[in-house]
């Protein structure tokens, strides 16, 4: 299983509409990815390792898939739609990382 992490960097100038992201963007993404999506979690940054500093990321969405090929097949056809919706909730572009999930 893999995890695709979509990470929105935080800064004093970042704008991020959490309610829109939770209630509109992520449900739209989940709907379009269909059965290929095996799980979805959202982390909302609240703090850094240093007191008083912003969290490094304002939000991180974690999407789980069986493998990279199933992610690419499900995500690719909708990538432009997903990207176009960013302007509705943020002024920052996300970083994306694909990771192998290892459980203990």
PDB file of N, CA and C in Angstrom:
ATOM      1  N   UNK A   1       0.845  -1.174   0.000  1.00  0.00           N
ATOM      2  CA  UNK A   1       0.000   0.000   0.000  1.00  0.00           C
ATOM      3  C   UNK A   1       0.890   1.237   0.000  1.00  0.00           C
ATOM      4  N   UNK A   2       0.398   2.290  -0.670  1.00  0.00           N
ATOM      5  CA  UNK A   2       1.130   3.552  -0.700  1.00  0.00           C
ATOM      6  C   UNK A   2       0.261   4.660  -0.105  1.00  0.00           C
ATOM      7  N   UNK A   3       0.954   5.734   0.275  1.00  0.00           N
ATOM      8  CA  UNK A   3       0.272   6.922   0.768  1.00  0.00           C
ATOM      9  C   UNK A   3       0.765   8.105  -0.058  1.00  0.00           C
ATOM     10  N   UNK A   4      -0.186   8.868  -0.578  1.00  0.00           N
ATOM     11  CA  UNK A   4       0.125  10.098  -1.293  1.00  0.00           C
ATOM     12  C   UNK A   4      -0.173  11.241  -0.335  1.00  0.00           C
ATOM     13  N   UNK A   5       0.870  11.980   0.034  1.00  0.00           N
ATOM     14  CA  UNK A   5       0.713  13.104   0.954  1.00  0.00           C
ATOM     15  C   UNK A   5       0.745  14.397   0.162  1.00  0.00           C
ATOM     16  N   UNK A   6      -0.318  15.182   0.297  1.00  0.00           N
ATOM     17  CA  UNK A   6      -0.434  16.473  -0.369  1.00  0.00           C
ATOM     18  C   UNK A   6      -0.264  17.517   0.727  1.00  0.00           C
ATOM     19  N   UNK A   7       0.888  18.198   0.727  1.00  0.00           N
ATOM     20  CA  UNK A   7       1.308  19.035   1.851  1.00  0.00           C
ATOM     21  C   UNK A   7       1.330  20.507   1.447  1.00  0.00           C
ATOM     22  N   UNK A   8       0.575  21.315   2.174  1.00  0.00           N
ATOM     23  CA  UNK A   8       0.477  22.744   1.902  1.00  0.00           C
ATOM     24  C   UNK A   8       1.392  23.514   2.852  1.00  0.00           C
ATOM     25  N   UNK A   9       2.513  24.059   2.342  1.00  0.00           N
ATOM     26  CA  UNK A   9       3.452  24.778   3.196  1.00  0.00           C
ATOM     27  C   UNK A   9       2.786  25.975   3.877  1.00  0.00           C
ATOM     28  N   UNK A  10       3.182  26.202   5.104  1.00  0.00           N
ATOM     29  CA  UNK A  10       2.622  27.270   5.917  1.00  0.00           C
ATOM     30  C   UNK A  10       3.565  28.477   5.924  1.00  0.00           C
ATOM     31  N   UNK A  11       3.004  29.659   6.033  1.00  0.00           N
ATOM     32  CA  UNK A  11       3.765  30.897   6.216  1.00  0.00           C
ATOM     33  C   UNK A  11       2.800  31.951   6.734  1.00  0.00           C
ATOM     34  N   UNK A  12       3.336  33.094   7.119  1.00  0.00           N
ATOM     35  CA  UNK A  12       2.464  34.149   7.640  1.00  0.00           C
ATOM     36  C   UNK A  12       1.528  34.685   6.559  1.00  0.00           C
ATOM     37  N   UNK A  13       1.861  34.504   5.297  1.00  0.00           N
ATOM     38  CA  UNK A  13       1.047  35.022   4.195  1.00  0.00           C
ATOM     39  C   UNK A  13       0.120  33.985   3.567  1.00  0.00           C
ATOM     40  N   UNK A  14       0.150  32.752   4.060  1.00  0.00           N
ATOM     41  CA  UNK A  14      -0.662  31.702   3.454  1.00  0.00           C
ATOM     42  C   UNK A  14      -2.136  31.922   3.766  1.00  0.00           C
ATOM     43  N   UNK A  15      -2.951  31.661   2.744  1.00  0.00           N
ATOM     44  CA  UNK A  15      -4.402  31.666   2.928  1.00  0.00           C
ATOM     45  C   UNK A  15      -4.860  30.238   2.672  1.00  0.00           C
ATOM     46  N   UNK A  16      -5.656  29.703   3.594  1.00  0.00           N
ATOM     47  CA  UNK A  16      -6.135  28.336   3.448  1.00  0.00           C
ATOM     48  C   UNK A  16      -7.514  28.239   4.079  1.00  0.00           C
ATOM     49  N   UNK A  17      -8.525  27.965   3.255  1.00  0.00           N
ATOM     50  CA  UNK A  17      -9.903  27.845   3.720  1.00  0.00           C
ATOM     51  C   UNK A  17     -10.151  26.386   4.100  1.00  0.00           C
ATOM     52  N   UNK A  18      -9.952  26.100   5.372  1.00  0.00           N
ATOM     53  CA  UNK A  18     -10.070  24.730   5.868  1.00  0.00           C
ATOM     54  C   UNK A  18     -11.463  24.157   5.634  1.00  0.00           C
ATOM     55  N   UNK A  19     -12.482  24.963   5.850  1.00  0.00           N
ATOM     56  CA  UNK A  19     -13.856  24.469   5.690  1.00  0.00           C
ATOM     57  C   UNK A  19     -14.133  24.086   4.238  1.00  0.00           C
ATOM     58  N   UNK A  20     -13.707  24.910   3.291  1.00  0.00           N
ATOM     59  CA  UNK A  20     -13.881  24.573   1.886  1.00  0.00           C
ATOM     60  C   UNK A  20     -13.121  23.300   1.553  1.00  0.00           C
ATOM     61  N   UNK A  21     -11.888  23.206   2.024  1.00  0.00           N
ATOM     62  CA  UNK A  21     -11.054  22.036   1.738  1.00  0.00           C
ATOM     63  C   UNK A  21     -11.706  20.760   2.271  1.00  0.00           C
ATOM     64  N   UNK A  22     -12.190  20.812   3.521  1.00  0.00           N
ATOM     65  CA  UNK A  22     -12.815  19.640   4.147  1.00  0.00           C
ATOM     66  C   UNK A  22     -14.167  19.293   3.528  1.00  0.00           C
ATOM     67  N   UNK A  23     -14.966  20.305   3.236  1.00  0.00           N
ATOM     68  CA  UNK A  23     -16.350  20.070   2.842  1.00  0.00           C
ATOM     69  C   UNK A  23     -16.609  20.055   1.344  1.00  0.00           C
ATOM     70  N   UNK A  24     -15.660  20.562   0.549  1.00  0.00           N
ATOM     71  CA  UNK A  24     -15.853  20.608  -0.894  1.00  0.00           C
ATOM     72  C   UNK A  24     -14.745  19.903  -1.670  1.00  0.00           C
ATOM     73  N   UNK A  25     -13.508  20.345  -1.437  1.00  0.00           N
ATOM     74  CA  UNK A  25     -12.412  19.812  -2.242  1.00  0.00           C
ATOM     75  C   UNK A  25     -12.167  18.324  -1.991  1.00  0.00           C
ATOM     76  N   UNK A  26     -11.954  17.949  -0.746  1.00  0.00           N
ATOM     77  CA  UNK A  26     -11.652  16.536  -0.473  1.00  0.00           C
ATOM     78  C   UNK A  26     -12.793  15.599  -0.853  1.00  0.00           C
ATOM     79  N   UNK A  27     -14.065  15.944  -0.585  1.00  0.00           N
ATOM     80  CA  UNK A  27     -15.144  15.061  -1.060  1.00  0.00           C
ATOM     81  C   UNK A  27     -15.174  14.938  -2.588  1.00  0.00           C
ATOM     82  N   UNK A  28     -14.882  16.022  -3.300  1.00  0.00           N
ATOM     83  CA  UNK A  28     -14.832  15.967  -4.759  1.00  0.00           C
ATOM     84  C   UNK A  28     -13.702  15.047  -5.215  1.00  0.00           C
ATOM     85  N   UNK A  29     -12.548  15.168  -4.589  1.00  0.00           N
ATOM     86  CA  UNK A  29     -11.414  14.306  -4.922  1.00  0.00           C
ATOM     87  C   UNK A  29     -11.776  12.846  -4.665  1.00  0.00           C
ATOM     88  N   UNK A  30     -12.319  12.558  -3.503  1.00  0.00           N
ATOM     89  CA  UNK A  30     -12.686  11.183  -3.153  1.00  0.00           C
ATOM     90  C   UNK A  30     -13.687  10.613  -4.152  1.00  0.00           C
ATOM     91  N   UNK A  31     -14.654  11.424  -4.538  1.00  0.00           N
ATOM     92  CA  UNK A  31     -15.668  10.967  -5.489  1.00  0.00           C
ATOM     93  C   UNK A  31     -15.045  10.625  -6.836  1.00  0.00           C
ATOM     94  N   UNK A  32     -14.157  11.479  -7.313  1.00  0.00           N
ATOM     95  CA  UNK A  32     -13.546  11.242  -8.622  1.00  0.00           C
ATOM     96  C   UNK A  32     -12.550  10.079  -8.605  1.00  0.00           C
ATOM     97  N   UNK A  33     -11.880   9.849  -7.478  1.00  0.00           N
ATOM     98  CA  UNK A  33     -10.925   8.736  -7.398  1.00  0.00           C
ATOM     99  C   UNK A  33     -11.624   7.394  -7.256  1.00  0.00           C
ATOM    100  N   UNK A  34     -12.829   7.409  -6.744  1.00  0.00           N
ATOM    101  CA  UNK A  34     -13.632   6.192  -6.660  1.00  0.00           C
ATOM    102  C   UNK A  34     -13.002   5.115  -5.803  1.00  0.00           C
ATOM    103  N   UNK A  35     -13.192   3.870  -6.227  1.00  0.00           N
ATOM    104  CA  UNK A  35     -12.737   2.712  -5.457  1.00  0.00           C
ATOM    105  C   UNK A  35     -11.222   2.573  -5.376  1.00  0.00           C
ATOM    106  N   UNK A  36     -10.497   3.298  -6.215  1.00  0.00           N
ATOM    107  CA  UNK A  36      -9.030   3.243  -6.147  1.00  0.00           C
ATOM    108  C   UNK A  36      -8.528   3.828  -4.828  1.00  0.00           C
ATOM    109  N   UNK A  37      -9.277   4.785  -4.282  1.00  0.00           N
ATOM    110  CA  UNK A  37      -8.907   5.422  -3.017  1.00  0.00           C
ATOM    111  C   UNK A  37      -9.275   4.490  -1.870  1.00  0.00           C
ATOM    112  N   UNK A  38      -8.276   4.102  -1.093  1.00  0.00           N
ATOM    113  CA  UNK A  38      -8.486   3.134  -0.005  1.00  0.00           C
ATOM    114  C   UNK A  38      -8.609   3.793   1.364  1.00  0.00           C
ATOM    115  N   UNK A  39      -8.266   5.062   1.454  1.00  0.00           N
ATOM    116  CA  UNK A  39      -8.376   5.785   2.716  1.00  0.00           C
ATOM    117  C   UNK A  39      -7.972   7.228   2.517  1.00  0.00           C
ATOM    118  N   UNK A  40      -8.510   8.097   3.386  1.00  0.00           N
ATOM    119  CA  UNK A  40      -8.226   9.520   3.293  1.00  0.00           C
ATOM    120  C   UNK A  40      -8.189  10.101   4.702  1.00  0.00           C
ATOM    121  N   UNK A  41      -7.122  10.814   5.002  1.00  0.00           N
ATOM    122  CA  UNK A  41      -6.975  11.477   6.299  1.00  0.00           C
ATOM    123  C   UNK A  41      -6.515  12.903   6.056  1.00  0.00           C
ATOM    124  N   UNK A  42      -6.856  13.786   6.983  1.00  0.00           N
ATOM    125  CA  UNK A  42      -6.438  15.175   6.892  1.00  0.00           C
ATOM    126  C   UNK A  42      -5.775  15.582   8.193  1.00  0.00           C
ATOM    127  N   UNK A  43      -4.549  16.101   8.087  1.00  0.00           N
ATOM    128  CA  UNK A  43      -3.841  16.695   9.224  1.00  0.00           C
ATOM    129  C   UNK A  43      -3.919  18.203   9.062  1.00  0.00           C
ATOM    130  N   UNK A  44      -4.310  18.901  10.127  1.00  0.00           N
ATOM    131  CA  UNK A  44      -4.303  20.360  10.131  1.00  0.00           C
ATOM    132  C   UNK A  44      -3.216  20.820  11.082  1.00  0.00           C
ATOM    133  N   UNK A  45      -2.230  21.551  10.566  1.00  0.00           N
ATOM    134  CA  UNK A  45      -1.088  21.974  11.362  1.00  0.00           C
ATOM    135  C   UNK A  45      -1.486  22.956  12.450  1.00  0.00           C
ATOM    136  N   UNK A  46      -1.019  22.691  13.668  1.00  0.00           N
ATOM    137  CA  UNK A  46      -1.340  23.580  14.782  1.00  0.00           C
ATOM    138  C   UNK A  46      -0.104  24.131  15.491  1.00  0.00           C
ATOM    139  N   UNK A  47       1.046  23.504  15.294  1.00  0.00           N
ATOM    140  CA  UNK A  47       2.240  23.980  15.989  1.00  0.00           C
ATOM    141  C   UNK A  47       3.490  23.419  15.321  1.00  0.00           C
ATOM    142  N   UNK A  48       4.608  24.016  15.701  1.00  0.00           N
ATOM    143  CA  UNK A  48       5.922  23.571  15.250  1.00  0.00           C
ATOM    144  C   UNK A  48       6.654  22.959  16.432  1.00  0.00           C
ATOM    145  N   UNK A  49       7.854  22.481  16.185  1.00  0.00           N
ATOM    146  CA  UNK A  49       8.664  21.947  17.288  1.00  0.00           C
ATOM    147  C   UNK A  49       9.125  23.057  18.219  1.00  0.00           C
ATOM    148  N   UNK A  50       9.145  24.287  17.716  1.00  0.00           N
ATOM    149  CA  UNK A  50       9.564  25.437  18.515  1.00  0.00           C
ATOM    150  C   UNK A  50       8.343  26.250  18.935  1.00  0.00           C
ATOM    151  N   UNK A  51       8.175  26.497  20.214  1.00  0.00           N
ATOM    152  CA  UNK A  51       7.022  27.272  20.684  1.00  0.00           C
ATOM    153  C   UNK A  51       6.914  28.625  19.974  1.00  0.00           C
ATOM    154  N   UNK A  52       5.695  28.940  19.581  1.00  0.00           N
ATOM    155  CA  UNK A  52       5.438  30.225  18.940  1.00  0.00           C
ATOM    156  C   UNK A  52       5.640  30.251  17.439  1.00  0.00           C
ATOM    157  N   UNK A  53       6.229  29.214  16.875  1.00  0.00           N
ATOM    158  CA  UNK A  53       6.416  29.155  15.423  1.00  0.00           C
ATOM    159  C   UNK A  53       5.219  28.479  14.772  1.00  0.00           C
ATOM    160  N   UNK A  54       4.950  28.855  13.529  1.00  0.00           N
ATOM    161  CA  UNK A  54       3.888  28.215  12.765  1.00  0.00           C
ATOM    162  C   UNK A  54       4.239  26.759  12.475  1.00  0.00           C
ATOM    163  N   UNK A  55       3.222  25.931  12.344  1.00  0.00           N
ATOM    164  CA  UNK A  55       3.435  24.558  11.877  1.00  0.00           C
ATOM    165  C   UNK A  55       4.046  24.626  10.479  1.00  0.00           C
ATOM    166  N   UNK A  56       4.920  23.697  10.120  1.00  0.00           N
ATOM    167  CA  UNK A  56       5.536  23.732   8.789  1.00  0.00           C
ATOM    168  C   UNK A  56       4.517  23.645   7.646  1.00  0.00           C
ATOM    169  N   UNK A  57       3.422  22.934   7.888  1.00  0.00           N
ATOM    170  CA  UNK A  57       2.374  22.773   6.879  1.00  0.00           C
ATOM    171  C   UNK A  57       1.042  23.174   7.483  1.00  0.00           C
ATOM    172  N   UNK A  58       0.262  23.956   6.737  1.00  0.00           N
ATOM    173  CA  UNK A  58      -1.060  24.357   7.205  1.00  0.00           C
ATOM    174  C   UNK A  58      -2.021  23.171   7.142  1.00  0.00           C
ATOM    175  N   UNK A  59      -1.816  22.294   6.161  1.00  0.00           N
ATOM    176  CA  UNK A  59      -2.644  21.094   6.020  1.00  0.00           C
ATOM    177  C   UNK A  59      -1.880  20.047   5.229  1.00  0.00           C
ATOM    178  N   UNK A  60      -2.159  18.788   5.559  1.00  0.00           N
ATOM    179  CA  UNK A  60      -1.606  17.661   4.810  1.00  0.00           C
ATOM    180  C   UNK A  60      -2.733  16.645   4.628  1.00  0.00           C
ATOM    181  N   UNK A  61      -3.041  16.345   3.382  1.00  0.00           N
ATOM    182  CA  UNK A  61      -4.011  15.293   3.078  1.00  0.00           C
ATOM    183  C   UNK A  61      -3.233  14.025   2.745  1.00  0.00           C
ATOM    184  N   UNK A  62      -3.669  12.916   3.319  1.00  0.00           N
ATOM    185  CA  UNK A  62      -3.036  11.625   3.065  1.00  0.00           C
ATOM    186  C   UNK A  62      -4.054  10.733   2.364  1.00  0.00           C
ATOM    187  N   UNK A  63      -3.717  10.315   1.157  1.00  0.00           N
ATOM    188  CA  UNK A  63      -4.589   9.462   0.364  1.00  0.00           C
ATOM    189  C   UNK A  63      -3.910   8.112   0.197  1.00  0.00           C
ATOM    190  N   UNK A  64      -4.636   7.045   0.458  1.00  0.00           N
ATOM    191  CA  UNK A  64      -4.052   5.707   0.385  1.00  0.00           C
ATOM    192  C   UNK A  64      -4.561   4.964  -0.847  1.00  0.00           C
ATOM    193  N   UNK A  65      -3.621   4.257  -1.484  1.00  0.00           N
ATOM    194  CA  UNK A  65      -3.904   3.473  -2.684  1.00  0.00           C
ATOM    195  C   UNK A  65      -3.164   2.141  -2.591  1.00  0.00           C
ATOM    196  N   UNK A  66      -3.594   1.182  -3.378  1.00  0.00           N
ATOM    197  CA  UNK A  66      -2.912  -0.116  -3.394  1.00  0.00           C
ATOM    198  C   UNK A  66      -1.476   0.006  -3.873  1.00  0.00           C
ATOM    199  N   UNK A  67      -1.257   0.822  -4.910  1.00  0.00           N
ATOM    200  CA  UNK A  67       0.077   0.959  -5.483  1.00  0.00           C
ATOM    201  C   UNK A  67       0.142   2.237  -6.316  1.00  0.00           C
ATOM    202  N   UNK A  68       1.339   2.561  -6.792  1.00  0.00           N
ATOM    203  CA  UNK A  68       1.546   3.789  -7.560  1.00  0.00           C
ATOM    204  C   UNK A  68       0.730   3.760  -8.849  1.00  0.00           C
ATOM    205  N   UNK A  69       0.676   2.623  -9.499  1.00  0.00           N
ATOM    206  CA  UNK A  69      -0.062   2.523 -10.765  1.00  0.00           C
ATOM    207  C   UNK A  69      -1.548   2.833 -10.568  1.00  0.00           C
ATOM    208  N   UNK A  70      -2.146   2.343  -9.494  1.00  0.00           N
ATOM    209  CA  UNK A  70      -3.573   2.616  -9.269  1.00  0.00           C
ATOM    210  C   UNK A  70      -3.789   4.089  -8.930  1.00  0.00           C
ATOM    211  N   UNK A  71      -2.846   4.704  -8.205  1.00  0.00           N
ATOM    212  CA  UNK A  71      -2.934   6.140  -7.952  1.00  0.00           C
ATOM    213  C   UNK A  71      -2.885   6.905  -9.264  1.00  0.00           C
ATOM    214  N   UNK A  72      -1.891   6.611 -10.092  1.00  0.00           N
ATOM    215  CA  UNK A  72      -1.725   7.341 -11.340  1.00  0.00           C
ATOM    216  C   UNK A  72      -2.926   7.180 -12.265  1.00  0.00           C
ATOM    217  N   UNK A  73      -3.473   5.966 -12.338  1.00  0.00           N
ATOM    218  CA  UNK A  73      -4.629   5.717 -13.205  1.00  0.00           C
ATOM    219  C   UNK A  73      -5.861   6.476 -12.723  1.00  0.00           C
ATOM    220  N   UNK A  74      -6.037   6.566 -11.409  1.00  0.00           N
ATOM    221  CA  UNK A  74      -7.212   7.244 -10.861  1.00  0.00           C
ATOM    222  C   UNK A  74      -7.038   8.761 -10.844  1.00  0.00           C
ATOM    223  N   UNK A  75      -5.848   9.229 -10.526  1.00  0.00           N
ATOM    224  CA  UNK A  75      -5.594  10.653 -10.347  1.00  0.00           C
ATOM    225  C   UNK A  75      -5.396  11.392 -11.672  1.00  0.00           C
ATOM    226  N   UNK A  76      -4.646  10.795 -12.568  1.00  0.00           N
ATOM    227  CA  UNK A  76      -4.259  11.443 -13.821  1.00  0.00           C
ATOM    228  C   UNK A  76      -5.393  12.092 -14.590  1.00  0.00           C
ATOM    229  N   UNK A  77      -6.493  11.376 -14.834  1.00  0.00           N
ATOM    230  CA  UNK A  77      -7.579  11.966 -15.622  1.00  0.00           C
ATOM    231  C   UNK A  77      -8.237  13.186 -14.969  1.00  0.00           C
ATOM    232  N   UNK A  78      -8.039  13.371 -13.674  1.00  0.00           N
ATOM    233  CA  UNK A  78      -8.695  14.468 -12.952  1.00  0.00           C
ATOM    234  C   UNK A  78      -7.711  15.518 -12.434  1.00  0.00           C
ATOM    235  N   UNK A  79      -6.438  15.365 -12.729  1.00  0.00           N
ATOM    236  CA  UNK A  79      -5.416  16.255 -12.171  1.00  0.00           C
ATOM    237  C   UNK A  79      -5.697  17.722 -12.472  1.00  0.00           C
ATOM    238  N   UNK A  80      -6.129  18.037 -13.670  1.00  0.00           N
ATOM    239  CA  UNK A  80      -6.394  19.436 -14.028  1.00  0.00           C
ATOM    240  C   UNK A  80      -7.567  20.003 -13.224  1.00  0.00           C
ATOM    241  N   UNK A  81      -8.589  19.203 -13.011  1.00  0.00           N
ATOM    242  CA  UNK A  81      -9.748  19.639 -12.215  1.00  0.00           C
ATOM    243  C   UNK A  81      -9.325  19.893 -10.778  1.00  0.00           C
ATOM    244  N   UNK A  82      -8.535  18.969 -10.220  1.00  0.00           N
ATOM    245  CA  UNK A  82      -8.054  19.132  -8.841  1.00  0.00           C
ATOM    246  C   UNK A  82      -7.215  20.413  -8.725  1.00  0.00           C
ATOM    247  N   UNK A  83      -6.317  20.627  -9.667  1.00  0.00           N
ATOM    248  CA  UNK A  83      -5.435  21.792  -9.641  1.00  0.00           C
ATOM    249  C   UNK A  83      -6.227  23.091  -9.792  1.00  0.00           C
ATOM    250  N   UNK A  84      -7.230  23.092 -10.643  1.00  0.00           N
ATOM    251  CA  UNK A  84      -8.027  24.305 -10.855  1.00  0.00           C
ATOM    252  C   UNK A  84      -8.810  24.701  -9.612  1.00  0.00           C
ATOM    253  N   UNK A  85      -9.135  23.747  -8.772  1.00  0.00           N
ATOM    254  CA  UNK A  85      -9.923  24.040  -7.572  1.00  0.00           C
ATOM    255  C   UNK A  85      -9.094  24.674  -6.466  1.00  0.00           C
ATOM    256  N   UNK A  86      -7.776  24.601  -6.554  1.00  0.00           N
ATOM    257  CA  UNK A  86      -6.909  25.142  -5.499  1.00  0.00           C
ATOM    258  C   UNK A  86      -7.212  26.614  -5.238  1.00  0.00           C
ATOM    259  N   UNK A  87      -7.480  27.369  -6.280  1.00  0.00           N
ATOM    260  CA  UNK A  87      -7.737  28.804  -6.091  1.00  0.00           C
ATOM    261  C   UNK A  87      -8.962  29.069  -5.216  1.00  0.00           C
ATOM    262  N   UNK A  88      -9.816  28.088  -5.025  1.00  0.00           N
ATOM    263  CA  UNK A  88     -10.997  28.249  -4.178  1.00  0.00           C
ATOM    264  C   UNK A  88     -10.690  28.145  -2.688  1.00  0.00           C
ATOM    265  N   UNK A  89      -9.504  27.632  -2.347  1.00  0.00           N
ATOM    266  CA  UNK A  89      -9.211  27.465  -0.923  1.00  0.00           C
ATOM    267  C   UNK A  89      -7.809  27.887  -0.494  1.00  0.00           C
ATOM    268  N   UNK A  90      -6.900  28.130  -1.436  1.00  0.00           N
ATOM    269  CA  UNK A  90      -5.547  28.476  -0.985  1.00  0.00           C
ATOM    270  C   UNK A  90      -4.796  29.317  -2.005  1.00  0.00           C
ATOM    271  N   UNK A  91      -3.794  30.034  -1.510  1.00  0.00           N
ATOM    272  CA  UNK A  91      -2.903  30.801  -2.374  1.00  0.00           C
ATOM    273  C   UNK A  91      -1.514  30.164  -2.453  1.00  0.00           C
ATOM    274  N   UNK A  92      -1.423  28.917  -2.018  1.00  0.00           N
ATOM    275  CA  UNK A  92      -0.141  28.215  -2.017  1.00  0.00           C
ATOM    276  C   UNK A  92      -0.291  26.884  -2.758  1.00  0.00           C
ATOM    277  N   UNK A  93       0.743  26.513  -3.485  1.00  0.00           N
ATOM    278  CA  UNK A  93       0.757  25.217  -4.172  1.00  0.00           C
ATOM    279  C   UNK A  93       1.278  24.148  -3.216  1.00  0.00           C
ATOM    280  N   UNK A  94       0.703  22.993  -3.303  1.00  0.00           N
ATOM    281  CA  UNK A  94       1.081  21.887  -2.427  1.00  0.00           C
ATOM    282  C   UNK A  94       2.313  21.155  -2.946  1.00  0.00           C
ATOM    283  N   UNK A  95       3.035  20.562  -1.993  1.00  0.00           N
ATOM    284  CA  UNK A  95       4.072  19.591  -2.314  1.00  0.00           C
ATOM    285  C   UNK A  95       3.403  18.226  -2.276  1.00  0.00           C
ATOM    286  N   UNK A  96       3.841  17.313  -3.108  1.00  0.00           N
ATOM    287  CA  UNK A  96       3.259  15.973  -3.140  1.00  0.00           C
ATOM    288  C   UNK A  96       4.362  14.944  -2.953  1.00  0.00           C
ATOM    289  N   UNK A  97       4.113  14.003  -2.072  1.00  0.00           N
ATOM    290  CA  UNK A  97       5.071  12.912  -1.852  1.00  0.00           C
ATOM    291  C   UNK A  97       4.318  11.589  -1.882  1.00  0.00           C
ATOM    292  N   UNK A  98       4.898  10.612  -2.556  1.00  0.00           N
ATOM    293  CA  UNK A  98       4.361   9.259  -2.563  1.00  0.00           C
ATOM    294  C   UNK A  98       5.273   8.398  -1.708  1.00  0.00           C
ATOM    295  N   UNK A  99       4.678   7.717  -0.749  1.00  0.00           N
ATOM    296  CA  UNK A  99       5.445   6.912   0.205  1.00  0.00           C
ATOM    297  C   UNK A  99       4.910   5.488   0.247  1.00  0.00           C
ATOM    298  N   UNK A 100       5.809   4.561   0.518  1.00  0.00           N
ATOM    299  CA  UNK A 100       5.399   3.200   0.813  1.00  0.00           C
ATOM    300  C   UNK A 100       4.983   3.143   2.275  1.00  0.00           C
ATOM    301  N   UNK A 101       3.826   2.562   2.555  1.00  0.00           N
ATOM    302  CA  UNK A 101       3.372   2.428   3.925  1.00  0.00           C
ATOM    303  C   UNK A 101       3.965   1.171   4.542  1.00  0.00           C
ATOM    304  N   UNK A 102       4.614   1.333   5.672  1.00  0.00           N
ATOM    305  CA  UNK A 102       5.187   0.219   6.413  1.00  0.00           C
ATOM    306  C   UNK A 102       4.548   0.238   7.792  1.00  0.00           C
ATOM    307  N   UNK A 103       3.890  -0.826   8.156  1.00  0.00           N
ATOM    308  CA  UNK A 103       3.236  -0.882   9.462  1.00  0.00           C
ATOM    309  C   UNK A 103       3.978  -1.858  10.357  1.00  0.00           C
ATOM    310  N   UNK A 104       3.901  -1.613  11.642  1.00  0.00           N
ATOM    311  CA  UNK A 104       4.583  -2.452  12.639  1.00  0.00           C
ATOM    312  C   UNK A 104       3.574  -3.075  13.562  1.00  0.00           C
TER     313      UNK A 104
END
